[in-house]
Amino acid sequence: MRVLENFINGAWVPSSGTTQLDVKNPATGELLARVPLSTAGDVDAAVRAAKAAFPAWRAVPPVQRARYLFKLKNLLEQHREEIAGICTSEHGKTLAESASDFGRGIENVEHACGIPTLLMGQSLEDVSSGIDCNVVRQPLGVFAAITPFNFPPMVPLWFLPYAIATGNTFVLKPSEQVPLSQRRIFELIAQTGLPAGVVNLVNGGKDVVEAICAHQDIAGVSFVGSSNVAKIVYRRCGETGKRVQSLGGAKNFIVIMPDADMEKSVANACESAYGCAGQRCLAGSVIVGVGEAYERVRELVVAHAKAAVLGDGKQPGTTLGPVISAAHKDKVLSYIEKGLQEGAKLLVDGRNATVPGLPDGNWVGATVFEGVTPHMTIAKEEIFGPVVCLMKAKDLAEAVELANASEYGNASSIYTTNGKSAREFSTRVQAGMVGVNIGVAAPMSYFPFGGQKGSFFGDLKAHGQQGVDFYTERKIVIERWF
């Protein structure tokens, strides 16, 4: 069984860590590879390589840096099906979900190809007599990203293209649970001819995260994961003077109004809730039926949950894959038990789900609770699994109040045919990303991605223009010639 290596200074090198973890297919239990838990020394080696590569790389004209990304974008497109297959093997989501998610990552590479325009500054002649003022954007040095298990090929591409397009160098720590798709992507990066040291990859767990946060030669860090860890990363990066964008957890509310197109709305809301087995930060978690809409919403959500086809994501017809690990399965099941203990009613029970021929899969079936109240644990905490909580609100104002009571503010959606309701909701709801008749409010690559409140820690969000801002420092040059 192969042991994965780190990519440092343009070469694949063994980790100095002595501990290894199994990488398994969560649907079949098949052992795919072993991933090393690298050390602070491995992080330091990657940072030293990135730091050494920075002066020459920042001197490369932006239009030439973009040409490497054009090559990478084409390579990723050519290998899209292959990498989607790797993602499904290591994560469990369906092939269609993997291909779609990876496509979002490729779009960020494509957007970063426009860096000659995105990187432009500002100028004004004669701010005073004979004096001109120019604002230029300059790279800062070495950046790092710490990425989660739920979107293996996509989330790193929220960061890497913008970091290197703006003239910085980069170190990635992918999730130790799903390192295989990034291994393949870095093999393709190597084919672009990118200079050694510009991008580096270090496999590992907590020790690598702590080493990245503490390293004095890292200028900034991007993190995506749970809010508990996001807070720690934000604080530790701040202590060492780093820039940081730390994207945390979510408890996303979906509001369905009585005037909504009910069948389409509930189908879309359930796709949000059960897609990727609920393991995404934009998943709908609480579905709120407003007024007379509740009974119909309840009926349709139950029907969709019962119709979900659990199985291996590579098999045609599968609509709901496994959760990532046995440990995560136990966590999701513990939340279901907690909901019952606190008085919620289980309408669809996914606890004893099985798939014929796949006894080692991490199966949790689509689950639906009703009678959920705001004080319940399942209404407040992120479950990160295929569990829907149904709540009822008498009107839109109460529905917004329920959503805003959450400590999180990642995304929220409303389904309605009434423009006034949509405008009121999008104005008042405390969420960084809002969907109107859209269950997964995921911005395109040229818009910023990030939540509010306990879902985001930092100032500048991921990708879009804010991504460019994060990776650059504005320098103001005021000049006069005698």
Protein backbone atom coordinates (compact mmCIF):
# COMPACT_ATOMS: atom_id res chain seq x y z
CA MET A 1 0.00 0.00 0.00
CA ARG A 2 1.49 3.30 -1.07
CA VAL A 3 2.37 5.95 1.45
CA LEU A 4 1.73 9.47 0.19
CA GLU A 5 4.57 11.96 -0.02
CA ASN A 6 4.83 15.71 0.40
CA PHE A 7 5.51 18.03 -2.53
CA ILE A 8 8.32 20.41 -1.60
CA ASN A 9 10.47 22.57 -3.87
CA GLY A 10 9.17 20.91 -7.02
CA ALA A 11 9.72 17.29 -5.93
CA TRP A 12 7.86 14.52 -4.12
CA VAL A 13 9.66 13.78 -0.88
CA PRO A 14 8.92 11.44 2.05
CA SER A 15 7.50 12.93 5.21
CA SER A 16 9.67 12.86 8.30
CA GLY A 17 6.61 11.83 10.34
CA THR A 18 6.54 8.29 11.65
CA THR A 19 2.76 8.01 12.10
CA GLN A 20 0.47 7.14 9.21
CA LEU A 21 -3.30 7.10 8.82
CA ASP A 22 -5.37 4.89 6.54
CA VAL A 23 -7.24 6.55 3.70
CA LYS A 24 -10.35 4.46 3.08
CA ASN A 25 -13.24 4.50 0.64
CA PRO A 26 -16.14 5.39 2.97
CA ALA A 27 -18.61 3.37 0.89
CA THR A 28 -16.68 0.12 0.62
CA GLY A 29 -14.10 0.27 3.39
CA GLU A 30 -11.35 -0.35 0.83
CA LEU A 31 -7.91 0.86 1.88
CA LEU A 32 -6.79 3.37 -0.77
CA ALA A 33 -3.50 4.66 0.62
CA ARG A 34 -1.74 5.74 3.78
CA VAL A 35 -1.11 9.36 4.58
CA PRO A 36 1.74 10.49 6.83
CA LEU A 37 1.26 12.85 9.73
CA SER A 38 4.04 15.25 8.89
CA THR A 39 6.01 17.31 11.39
CA ALA A 40 6.86 20.94 12.01
CA GLY A 41 10.16 20.18 10.29
CA ASP A 42 8.30 19.24 7.11
CA VAL A 43 6.33 22.48 7.29
CA ASP A 44 9.55 24.42 7.75
CA ALA A 45 11.11 22.74 4.71
CA ALA A 46 8.10 23.71 2.59
CA VAL A 47 8.11 27.28 3.88
CA ARG A 48 11.85 27.63 3.27
CA ALA A 49 11.36 26.45 -0.31
CA ALA A 50 8.46 28.85 -0.81
CA LYS A 51 10.39 31.74 0.75
CA ALA A 52 13.41 31.08 -1.48
CA ALA A 53 11.20 30.98 -4.59
CA PHE A 54 9.33 34.19 -3.75
CA PRO A 55 11.77 36.91 -4.97
CA ALA A 56 12.07 35.48 -8.48
CA TRP A 57 8.38 34.58 -8.70
CA ARG A 58 7.13 38.01 -7.66
CA ALA A 59 9.34 39.51 -10.38
CA VAL A 60 7.57 37.47 -13.08
CA PRO A 61 5.11 39.78 -14.89
CA PRO A 62 1.47 39.04 -13.97
CA VAL A 63 0.56 38.20 -17.55
CA GLN A 64 3.24 35.51 -17.56
CA ARG A 65 2.14 34.15 -14.18
CA ALA A 66 -1.36 33.87 -15.63
CA ARG A 67 -0.09 31.66 -18.44
CA TYR A 68 0.79 28.92 -15.96
CA LEU A 69 -2.82 29.06 -14.75
CA PHE A 70 -4.12 28.81 -18.31
CA LYS A 71 -2.08 25.60 -18.65
CA LEU A 72 -3.38 24.33 -15.32
CA LYS A 73 -6.98 25.11 -16.20
CA ASN A 74 -6.70 23.11 -19.41
CA LEU A 75 -5.05 20.17 -17.61
CA LEU A 76 -7.73 20.13 -14.94
CA GLU A 77 -10.46 20.13 -17.59
CA GLN A 78 -8.78 17.24 -19.40
CA HIS A 79 -8.65 15.22 -16.17
CA ARG A 80 -11.99 16.32 -14.75
CA GLU A 81 -13.64 12.89 -14.83
CA GLU A 82 -10.55 11.21 -13.40
CA ILE A 83 -10.28 13.60 -10.46
CA ALA A 84 -14.03 13.45 -9.84
CA GLY A 85 -13.66 9.68 -9.59
CA ILE A 86 -10.82 10.03 -7.10
CA CYS A 87 -12.95 12.43 -5.06
CA THR A 88 -15.86 9.99 -4.96
CA SER A 89 -13.53 7.15 -3.91
CA GLU A 90 -12.02 9.09 -1.01
CA HIS A 91 -15.06 11.12 0.05
CA GLY A 92 -18.13 9.10 -0.93
CA LYS A 93 -20.23 11.73 -2.70
CA THR A 94 -21.80 10.84 -6.04
CA LEU A 95 -19.83 11.23 -9.26
CA ALA A 96 -22.17 14.00 -10.38
CA GLU A 97 -21.56 15.88 -7.13
CA SER A 98 -17.79 15.39 -7.40
CA ALA A 99 -17.69 16.64 -10.99
CA SER A 100 -19.83 19.66 -10.15
CA ASP A 101 -17.77 20.57 -7.09
CA PHE A 102 -14.50 20.21 -8.96
CA GLY A 103 -15.92 22.37 -11.72
CA ARG A 104 -16.33 25.15 -9.18
CA GLY A 105 -12.67 24.82 -8.33
CA ILE A 106 -11.65 25.00 -11.98
CA GLU A 107 -13.70 28.20 -12.32
CA ASN A 108 -11.45 29.81 -9.70
CA VAL A 109 -8.37 28.92 -11.73
CA GLU A 110 -10.09 30.41 -14.75
CA HIS A 111 -10.98 33.60 -12.87
CA ALA A 112 -7.42 33.97 -11.55
CA CYS A 113 -6.19 33.89 -15.15
CA GLY A 114 -7.49 37.47 -15.35
CA ILE A 115 -4.92 38.64 -12.80
CA PRO A 116 -3.42 41.37 -15.04
CA THR A 117 -6.77 43.16 -14.73
CA LEU A 118 -7.62 42.04 -11.18
CA LEU A 119 -4.26 43.26 -9.89
CA MET A 120 -4.51 46.78 -11.30
CA GLY A 121 -4.12 49.69 -8.88
CA GLN A 122 -5.32 53.28 -9.00
CA SER A 123 -3.77 56.53 -10.16
CA LEU A 124 -4.65 60.19 -10.02
CA GLU A 125 -2.66 62.94 -11.69
CA ASP A 126 -2.20 66.27 -9.91
CA VAL A 127 -3.54 65.45 -6.46
CA SER A 128 -1.81 68.73 -5.82
CA SER A 129 0.06 70.93 -8.24
CA GLY A 130 2.74 68.79 -9.89
CA ILE A 131 2.13 65.83 -7.57
CA ASP A 132 0.72 62.48 -8.70
CA CYS A 133 -0.55 59.59 -6.56
CA ASN A 134 -0.44 55.92 -7.48
CA VAL A 135 -1.72 52.86 -5.63
CA VAL A 136 -0.13 49.52 -6.55
CA ARG A 137 -0.80 46.03 -5.23
CA GLN A 138 2.19 43.95 -4.20
CA PRO A 139 2.52 40.34 -2.96
CA LEU A 140 3.51 39.69 0.64
CA GLY A 141 5.45 36.40 0.52
CA VAL A 142 4.47 32.89 1.63
CA PHE A 143 0.81 31.99 2.17
CA ALA A 144 -0.69 28.74 3.44
CA ALA A 145 -4.10 27.08 3.29
CA ILE A 146 -5.61 24.45 5.58
CA THR A 147 -8.53 22.78 3.84
CA PRO A 148 -11.37 20.43 4.91
CA PHE A 149 -12.50 16.95 3.94
CA ASN A 150 -15.84 17.80 2.37
CA PHE A 151 -14.65 19.25 -0.96
CA PRO A 152 -11.25 17.66 -1.63
CA PRO A 153 -10.47 19.01 -5.13
CA MET A 154 -12.44 22.26 -4.86
CA VAL A 155 -11.64 24.21 -1.70
CA PRO A 156 -7.84 24.35 -2.19
CA LEU A 157 -8.56 26.00 -5.55
CA TRP A 158 -10.35 28.81 -3.73
CA PHE A 159 -6.90 29.89 -2.57
CA LEU A 160 -3.96 28.50 -4.56
CA PRO A 161 -4.67 30.22 -7.91
CA TYR A 162 -5.09 33.68 -6.39
CA ALA A 163 -2.07 33.31 -4.11
CA ILE A 164 0.35 32.49 -6.90
CA ALA A 165 -1.27 34.70 -9.56
CA THR A 166 -0.70 37.73 -7.33
CA GLY A 167 2.99 36.82 -7.00
CA ASN A 168 3.04 34.98 -3.67
CA THR A 169 4.23 31.44 -3.02
CA PHE A 170 2.08 28.81 -1.38
CA VAL A 171 1.91 25.85 1.02
CA LEU A 172 -1.17 23.62 1.16
CA LYS A 173 -2.22 21.26 3.93
CA PRO A 174 -5.09 19.15 2.56
CA SER A 175 -7.34 17.17 4.88
CA GLU A 176 -5.62 13.99 5.98
CA GLN A 177 -8.92 12.17 5.39
CA VAL A 178 -9.04 12.95 1.66
CA PRO A 179 -5.53 13.67 0.32
CA LEU A 180 -5.69 11.74 -2.96
CA SER A 181 -7.37 14.24 -5.27
CA GLN A 182 -4.90 16.95 -4.23
CA ARG A 183 -2.03 14.54 -4.88
CA ARG A 184 -3.28 14.19 -8.44
CA ILE A 185 -3.85 17.92 -8.88
CA PHE A 186 -0.29 18.66 -7.75
CA GLU A 187 1.00 16.14 -10.27
CA LEU A 188 -0.80 18.19 -12.92
CA ILE A 189 0.56 21.44 -11.48
CA ALA A 190 4.05 20.00 -11.90
CA GLN A 191 3.29 19.49 -15.61
CA THR A 192 2.72 23.23 -16.10
CA GLY A 193 6.41 23.96 -15.58
CA LEU A 194 5.74 26.19 -12.60
CA PRO A 195 9.07 27.07 -10.94
CA ALA A 196 10.13 24.88 -8.01
CA GLY A 197 9.00 26.13 -4.62
CA VAL A 198 6.11 28.27 -5.84
CA VAL A 199 3.60 25.68 -4.66
CA ASN A 200 4.16 23.06 -1.96
CA LEU A 201 2.03 20.43 -0.24
CA VAL A 202 2.45 19.02 3.27
CA ASN A 203 0.25 16.17 4.44
CA GLY A 204 -0.65 15.89 8.08
CA GLY A 205 -2.95 16.70 10.95
CA LYS A 206 -2.99 18.93 14.03
CA ASP A 207 0.81 19.27 14.27
CA VAL A 208 0.99 20.65 10.74
CA VAL A 209 -1.84 23.12 11.43
CA GLU A 210 -0.10 24.36 14.57
CA ALA A 211 3.23 24.68 12.76
CA ILE A 212 1.61 26.73 9.99
CA CYS A 213 -0.06 29.07 12.47
CA ALA A 214 3.18 29.58 14.39
CA HIS A 215 5.65 29.90 11.49
CA GLN A 216 7.14 33.38 11.36
CA ASP A 217 7.82 33.26 7.60
CA ILE A 218 4.18 32.67 6.63
CA ALA A 219 2.45 35.96 5.81
CA GLY A 220 -1.13 34.70 5.81
CA VAL A 221 -3.33 31.66 6.27
CA SER A 222 -6.65 30.54 4.80
CA PHE A 223 -8.64 27.99 6.79
CA VAL A 224 -11.90 26.13 6.18
CA GLY A 225 -13.36 23.83 8.83
CA SER A 226 -15.35 23.79 12.04
CA SER A 227 -15.93 27.04 13.91
CA ASN A 228 -14.17 25.76 17.01
CA VAL A 229 -10.96 25.25 15.08
CA ALA A 230 -11.53 28.37 12.96
CA LYS A 231 -11.49 30.49 16.13
CA ILE A 232 -8.21 28.90 17.24
CA VAL A 233 -6.57 29.41 13.84
CA TYR A 234 -7.78 33.02 13.77
CA ARG A 235 -6.38 33.75 17.22
CA ARG A 236 -3.02 32.01 16.72
CA CYS A 237 -2.44 33.63 13.36
CA GLY A 238 -3.23 36.99 14.90
CA GLU A 239 -0.68 36.38 17.63
CA THR A 240 2.05 36.02 15.00
CA GLY A 241 0.89 38.97 12.90
CA LYS A 242 -0.50 36.95 9.99
CA ARG A 243 -3.35 37.80 7.72
CA VAL A 244 -6.10 35.22 8.15
CA GLN A 245 -9.40 34.29 6.56
CA SER A 246 -10.94 31.58 8.71
CA LEU A 247 -14.17 30.04 7.42
CA GLY A 248 -16.09 28.10 10.06
CA GLY A 249 -19.25 26.08 10.52
CA ALA A 250 -22.90 26.71 9.78
CA LYS A 251 -26.50 26.13 10.72
CA ASN A 252 -28.32 27.19 7.58
CA PHE A 253 -32.03 28.00 7.67
CA ILE A 254 -34.28 27.53 4.65
CA VAL A 255 -37.60 29.39 4.75
CA ILE A 256 -40.49 28.26 2.54
CA MET A 257 -43.39 30.69 2.16
CA PRO A 258 -47.00 29.69 1.40
CA ASP A 259 -46.81 31.31 -2.06
CA ALA A 260 -43.76 29.27 -3.11
CA ASP A 261 -43.83 26.75 -5.95
CA MET A 262 -44.03 24.00 -3.38
CA GLU A 263 -42.86 20.93 -5.31
CA LYS A 264 -39.87 22.65 -6.90
CA SER A 265 -38.98 24.49 -3.69
CA VAL A 266 -38.99 21.43 -1.43
CA ALA A 267 -37.10 19.35 -4.00
CA ASN A 268 -34.41 22.02 -4.18
CA ALA A 269 -34.30 22.43 -0.40
CA CYS A 270 -33.90 18.68 0.07
CA GLU A 271 -31.07 18.59 -2.46
CA SER A 272 -29.40 21.27 -0.36
CA ALA A 273 -29.92 19.25 2.82
CA TYR A 274 -29.00 15.78 1.54
CA GLY A 275 -26.48 16.52 -1.20
CA CYS A 276 -22.96 15.39 -0.28
CA ALA A 277 -24.66 13.55 2.62
CA GLY A 278 -25.21 16.92 4.27
CA GLN A 279 -21.45 17.38 4.67
CA ARG A 280 -21.13 20.90 3.33
CA CYS A 281 -21.13 24.32 4.93
CA LEU A 282 -23.96 25.49 2.65
CA ALA A 283 -26.26 22.54 3.37
CA GLY A 284 -29.78 23.40 4.44
CA SER A 285 -30.13 22.14 7.99
CA VAL A 286 -33.36 23.66 9.30
CA ILE A 287 -36.36 23.94 6.96
CA VAL A 288 -38.95 26.42 8.19
CA GLY A 289 -42.47 26.18 6.83
CA VAL A 290 -44.28 29.50 7.17
CA GLY A 291 -47.95 29.49 8.15
CA GLU A 292 -50.13 27.22 6.06
CA ALA A 293 -47.10 26.06 4.05
CA TYR A 294 -45.84 23.88 6.90
CA GLU A 295 -48.06 20.83 6.38
CA ARG A 296 -47.26 20.59 2.67
CA VAL A 297 -43.56 21.18 3.32
CA ARG A 298 -43.59 18.43 5.94
CA GLU A 299 -45.30 15.99 3.57
CA LEU A 300 -42.91 16.65 0.68
CA VAL A 301 -39.73 16.61 2.78
CA VAL A 302 -40.68 13.22 4.21
CA ALA A 303 -41.37 11.90 0.71
CA HIS A 304 -38.00 13.13 -0.58
CA ALA A 305 -36.16 11.65 2.39
CA LYS A 306 -37.80 8.27 1.89
CA ALA A 307 -36.99 8.37 -1.84
CA ALA A 308 -33.25 8.96 -1.31
CA VAL A 309 -31.18 6.12 -2.76
CA LEU A 310 -28.31 5.28 -0.43
CA GLY A 311 -25.22 3.68 -1.94
CA ASP A 312 -21.77 3.89 -3.47
CA GLY A 313 -21.43 7.24 -5.23
CA LYS A 314 -19.92 5.53 -8.27
CA GLN A 315 -23.04 3.47 -8.89
CA PRO A 316 -25.74 4.86 -11.21
CA GLY A 317 -28.90 5.84 -9.38
CA THR A 318 -27.24 6.64 -6.07
CA THR A 319 -28.45 9.96 -4.67
CA LEU A 320 -27.02 9.76 -1.13
CA GLY A 321 -23.51 8.54 -0.39
CA PRO A 322 -21.89 7.61 2.92
CA VAL A 323 -20.53 9.99 5.52
CA ILE A 324 -16.76 10.37 5.60
CA SER A 325 -15.80 7.98 8.41
CA ALA A 326 -17.05 5.61 11.08
CA ALA A 327 -16.22 8.24 13.69
CA HIS A 328 -18.27 10.85 11.87
CA LYS A 329 -21.14 8.38 11.49
CA ASP A 330 -21.14 7.92 15.26
CA LYS A 331 -21.20 11.70 15.71
CA VAL A 332 -24.19 12.13 13.40
CA LEU A 333 -26.03 9.27 15.12
CA SER A 334 -25.35 10.85 18.50
CA TYR A 335 -27.09 14.01 17.33
CA ILE A 336 -30.12 11.98 16.25
CA GLU A 337 -30.24 10.38 19.70
CA LYS A 338 -29.91 13.81 21.29
CA GLY A 339 -32.83 15.10 19.26
CA LEU A 340 -35.01 12.27 20.51
CA GLN A 341 -33.91 12.81 24.10
CA GLU A 342 -34.82 16.49 23.88
CA GLY A 343 -38.31 15.77 22.57
CA ALA A 344 -38.15 16.08 18.79
CA LYS A 345 -40.20 13.61 16.76
CA LEU A 346 -38.41 11.40 14.22
CA LEU A 347 -40.43 11.23 11.00
CA VAL A 348 -37.78 9.44 8.93
CA ASP A 349 -35.12 7.44 10.75
CA GLY A 350 -31.74 6.95 9.03
CA ARG A 351 -29.95 5.33 11.96
CA ASN A 352 -30.10 1.72 10.83
CA ALA A 353 -29.48 2.28 7.14
CA THR A 354 -27.68 -0.46 5.23
CA VAL A 355 -26.62 -1.02 1.63
CA PRO A 356 -26.65 -4.60 0.28
CA GLY A 357 -23.16 -5.88 -0.42
CA LEU A 358 -21.44 -2.96 1.33
CA PRO A 359 -21.41 -3.82 5.03
CA ASP A 360 -18.35 -1.67 5.76
CA GLY A 361 -19.80 1.59 4.44
CA ASN A 362 -20.42 4.55 6.77
CA TRP A 363 -24.14 4.65 6.14
CA VAL A 364 -26.57 7.18 7.57
CA GLY A 365 -29.91 7.39 5.83
CA ALA A 366 -31.84 10.57 5.12
CA THR A 367 -33.38 11.65 8.42
CA VAL A 368 -36.21 14.08 9.25
CA PHE A 369 -37.19 15.57 12.61
CA GLU A 370 -40.25 17.64 13.40
CA GLY A 371 -41.32 19.39 16.56
CA VAL A 372 -37.86 20.97 16.70
CA THR A 373 -37.64 24.02 18.94
CA PRO A 374 -34.90 26.67 19.03
CA HIS A 375 -33.46 25.52 22.36
CA MET A 376 -32.75 21.97 21.14
CA THR A 377 -29.19 20.90 20.39
CA ILE A 378 -30.13 19.74 16.89
CA ALA A 379 -31.54 23.21 16.18
CA LYS A 380 -28.38 24.97 17.34
CA GLU A 381 -25.34 22.85 16.51
CA GLU A 382 -23.94 21.85 13.13
CA ILE A 383 -24.68 18.15 12.56
CA PHE A 384 -22.88 17.88 9.20
CA GLY A 385 -24.90 14.90 8.09
CA PRO A 386 -28.13 14.04 6.21
CA VAL A 387 -30.46 15.30 8.95
CA VAL A 388 -33.25 17.83 8.40
CA CYS A 389 -34.96 19.68 11.26
CA LEU A 390 -38.45 20.95 10.49
CA MET A 391 -39.69 24.09 12.23
CA LYS A 392 -42.83 26.20 11.85
CA ALA A 393 -43.16 29.98 11.85
CA LYS A 394 -46.38 31.94 11.84
CA ASP A 395 -45.02 34.56 9.44
CA LEU A 396 -41.86 35.77 7.70
CA ALA A 397 -40.84 37.95 10.64
CA GLU A 398 -40.81 34.95 12.97
CA ALA A 399 -38.92 32.87 10.41
CA VAL A 400 -36.20 35.54 10.18
CA GLU A 401 -36.09 35.72 13.96
CA LEU A 402 -35.51 31.95 14.15
CA ALA A 403 -32.67 32.14 11.64
CA ASN A 404 -31.04 35.15 13.27
CA ALA A 405 -31.07 33.51 16.70
CA SER A 406 -28.38 31.10 15.47
CA GLU A 407 -24.78 31.80 16.47
CA TYR A 408 -23.88 31.01 12.87
CA GLY A 409 -24.45 33.12 9.78
CA ASN A 410 -23.07 31.27 6.80
CA ALA A 411 -26.04 31.00 4.43
CA SER A 412 -29.81 31.22 4.43
CA SER A 413 -32.45 30.81 1.74
CA ILE A 414 -36.06 31.74 1.08
CA TYR A 415 -38.51 30.20 -1.38
CA THR A 416 -41.24 32.57 -2.50
CA THR A 417 -42.89 34.10 -5.55
CA ASN A 418 -43.30 37.41 -3.75
CA GLY A 419 -40.63 40.03 -4.41
CA LYS A 420 -41.44 41.97 -1.24
CA SER A 421 -40.89 38.88 0.93
CA ALA A 422 -37.65 38.06 -0.87
CA ARG A 423 -36.34 41.60 -0.42
CA GLU A 424 -37.31 41.75 3.25
CA PHE A 425 -35.67 38.39 3.93
CA SER A 426 -32.43 39.14 2.09
CA THR A 427 -32.18 42.52 3.83
CA ARG A 428 -32.87 41.33 7.38
CA VAL A 429 -31.42 37.83 7.62
CA GLN A 430 -27.98 37.70 9.22
CA ALA A 431 -26.11 35.50 6.77
CA GLY A 432 -23.16 36.12 4.50
CA MET A 433 -24.72 34.32 1.54
CA VAL A 434 -28.45 34.45 0.79
CA GLY A 435 -30.42 32.37 -1.68
CA VAL A 436 -33.76 33.36 -3.22
CA ASN A 437 -35.35 30.19 -4.57
CA ILE A 438 -31.85 28.67 -4.40
CA GLY A 439 -30.98 26.13 -1.71
CA VAL A 440 -27.19 26.21 -2.01
CA ALA A 441 -26.25 29.88 -2.04
CA ALA A 442 -22.74 29.33 -3.43
CA PRO A 443 -21.27 32.41 -5.14
CA MET A 444 -19.43 32.10 -8.42
CA SER A 445 -15.66 32.46 -8.38
CA TYR A 446 -15.78 36.18 -9.21
CA PHE A 447 -17.84 36.96 -6.08
CA PRO A 448 -16.61 36.59 -2.47
CA PHE A 449 -17.42 33.47 -0.42
CA GLY A 450 -17.88 33.67 3.35
CA GLY A 451 -20.35 33.92 6.17
CA GLN A 452 -21.05 36.18 9.12
CA LYS A 453 -21.11 35.87 12.92
CA GLY A 454 -19.69 32.54 14.11
CA SER A 455 -19.24 31.27 10.56
CA PHE A 456 -16.37 33.57 9.59
CA PHE A 457 -13.37 35.07 11.34
CA GLY A 458 -11.41 37.69 9.45
CA ASP A 459 -11.98 40.67 7.19
CA LEU A 460 -11.43 39.52 3.60
CA LYS A 461 -13.35 36.53 2.29
CA ALA A 462 -12.42 33.77 -0.13
CA HIS A 463 -12.02 34.17 -3.90
CA GLY A 464 -13.45 36.97 -6.02
CA GLN A 465 -11.92 40.43 -5.68
CA GLN A 466 -11.60 39.98 -1.92
CA GLY A 467 -9.35 36.98 -2.58
CA VAL A 468 -7.04 39.22 -4.59
CA ASP A 469 -7.14 41.81 -1.81
CA PHE A 470 -6.23 39.19 0.79
CA TYR A 471 -3.08 38.18 -1.07
CA THR A 472 -1.81 41.70 -1.76
CA GLU A 473 -0.73 44.81 0.08
CA ARG A 474 -1.66 48.23 -1.24
CA LYS A 475 1.28 50.58 -1.52
CA ILE A 476 0.63 54.27 -2.07
CA VAL A 477 3.28 56.18 -4.03
CA ILE A 478 3.06 59.98 -3.97
CA GLU A 479 5.52 61.52 -6.40
CA ARG A 480 6.75 64.92 -7.54
CA TRP A 481 9.56 65.67 -10.00
CA PHE A 482 11.51 68.94 -9.75
